[in-house]
């Protein structure tokens, strides 16, 4: 049998648990980044308030969750995250 002191056993246990959490966190973030690039096509920006939201329902008429205005298929604009950040920053500077 391997003899180990209690403080070393606790340190090894905590180190192993933290290593497991780190590996899970890295793998989750890697998978999450891949999913975001696929769902960027469904990112919609409200033409009235500029709020960004996802179109999960794929409906013809959407309701903005922030200002509750209706957005039709003609008024809908699909944007990438980078474009949305630029527009949001420009809107904040002018407002």
Protein backbone atom coordinates (compact mmCIF):
# COMPACT_ATOMS: atom_id res chain seq x y z
CA UNK A 1 0.00 0.00 0.00
CA UNK A 2 1.19 3.48 -0.82
CA UNK A 3 1.57 5.73 2.17
CA UNK A 4 0.68 9.38 1.66
CA UNK A 5 0.24 12.21 4.09
CA UNK A 6 -3.18 13.78 4.48
CA UNK A 7 -2.12 17.22 3.25
CA UNK A 8 -0.62 15.69 0.08
CA UNK A 9 -3.77 13.66 -0.52
CA UNK A 10 -5.94 16.76 -0.23
CA UNK A 11 -3.61 18.72 -2.53
CA UNK A 12 -3.68 15.95 -5.14
CA UNK A 13 -7.46 15.67 -4.94
CA UNK A 14 -7.98 19.42 -5.37
CA UNK A 15 -5.43 19.57 -8.21
CA UNK A 16 -7.14 16.72 -10.05
CA UNK A 17 -10.55 18.35 -9.62
CA UNK A 18 -9.27 21.72 -10.88
CA UNK A 19 -7.60 20.06 -13.84
CA UNK A 20 -10.87 18.35 -14.73
CA UNK A 21 -12.77 21.65 -14.50
CA UNK A 22 -10.15 23.37 -16.67
CA UNK A 23 -10.36 20.67 -19.35
CA UNK A 24 -14.17 20.82 -19.37
CA UNK A 25 -14.12 24.62 -19.55
CA UNK A 26 -11.69 24.66 -22.48
CA UNK A 27 -13.63 22.02 -24.39
CA UNK A 28 -16.94 23.82 -23.76
CA UNK A 29 -15.54 27.14 -24.98
CA UNK A 30 -14.06 25.51 -28.07
CA UNK A 31 -17.38 23.90 -28.94
CA UNK A 32 -19.30 27.10 -28.14
CA UNK A 33 -17.14 29.15 -30.54
CA UNK A 34 -17.90 26.72 -33.34
CA UNK A 35 -21.63 26.95 -32.66
CA UNK A 36 -21.59 30.75 -32.65
CA UNK A 37 -20.12 30.93 -36.12
CA UNK A 38 -22.93 28.72 -37.41
CA UNK A 39 -25.69 30.72 -35.75
CA UNK A 40 -24.37 34.12 -36.86
CA UNK A 41 -26.70 33.91 -39.86
CA UNK A 42 -29.69 33.98 -37.53
CA UNK A 43 -28.60 37.08 -35.61
CA UNK A 44 -31.16 39.84 -36.28
CA UNK A 45 -30.85 43.54 -35.50
CA UNK A 46 -34.00 45.54 -34.85
CA UNK A 47 -34.26 48.47 -37.25
CA UNK A 48 -36.01 50.62 -34.64
CA UNK A 49 -33.98 50.21 -31.45
CA UNK A 50 -30.88 48.39 -32.72
CA UNK A 51 -31.28 45.48 -30.29
CA UNK A 52 -29.66 42.20 -31.37
CA UNK A 53 -31.47 38.90 -30.97
CA UNK A 54 -31.52 35.43 -32.47
CA UNK A 55 -34.23 34.25 -34.84
CA UNK A 56 -34.85 30.80 -33.40
CA UNK A 57 -38.38 30.47 -34.76
CA UNK A 58 -37.57 31.28 -38.41
CA UNK A 59 -40.86 33.17 -38.59
CA UNK A 60 -41.86 35.68 -41.28
CA UNK A 61 -42.75 38.34 -38.72
CA UNK A 62 -40.64 38.80 -35.61
CA UNK A 63 -41.18 40.82 -32.46
CA UNK A 64 -38.20 42.63 -30.99
CA UNK A 65 -37.80 41.49 -27.38
CA UNK A 66 -36.67 44.96 -26.25
CA UNK A 67 -39.01 47.48 -27.90
CA UNK A 68 -41.79 45.02 -28.90
CA UNK A 69 -41.94 46.37 -32.46
CA UNK A 70 -42.84 44.07 -35.34
CA UNK A 71 -40.14 43.32 -37.89
CA UNK A 72 -41.26 41.94 -41.25
CA UNK A 73 -39.18 39.90 -43.67
CA UNK A 74 -38.48 43.03 -45.76
CA UNK A 75 -37.24 45.02 -42.77
CA UNK A 76 -35.19 42.19 -41.36
CA UNK A 77 -31.45 42.45 -41.69
CA UNK A 78 -29.11 39.61 -40.88
CA UNK A 79 -25.84 40.85 -39.44
CA UNK A 80 -22.66 39.34 -38.11
CA UNK A 81 -21.46 40.02 -34.59
CA UNK A 82 -18.69 42.30 -35.85
CA UNK A 83 -21.12 44.44 -37.86
CA UNK A 84 -23.48 44.62 -34.89
CA UNK A 85 -20.71 45.82 -32.57
CA UNK A 86 -19.72 48.55 -35.02
CA UNK A 87 -23.31 49.73 -35.37
CA UNK A 88 -23.88 49.63 -31.64
CA UNK A 89 -20.74 51.67 -30.93
CA UNK A 90 -21.67 54.19 -33.63
CA UNK A 91 -25.19 54.46 -32.19
CA UNK A 92 -23.84 55.07 -28.67
CA UNK A 93 -21.48 57.79 -29.91
CA UNK A 94 -24.21 59.69 -31.75
CA UNK A 95 -26.83 59.28 -29.02
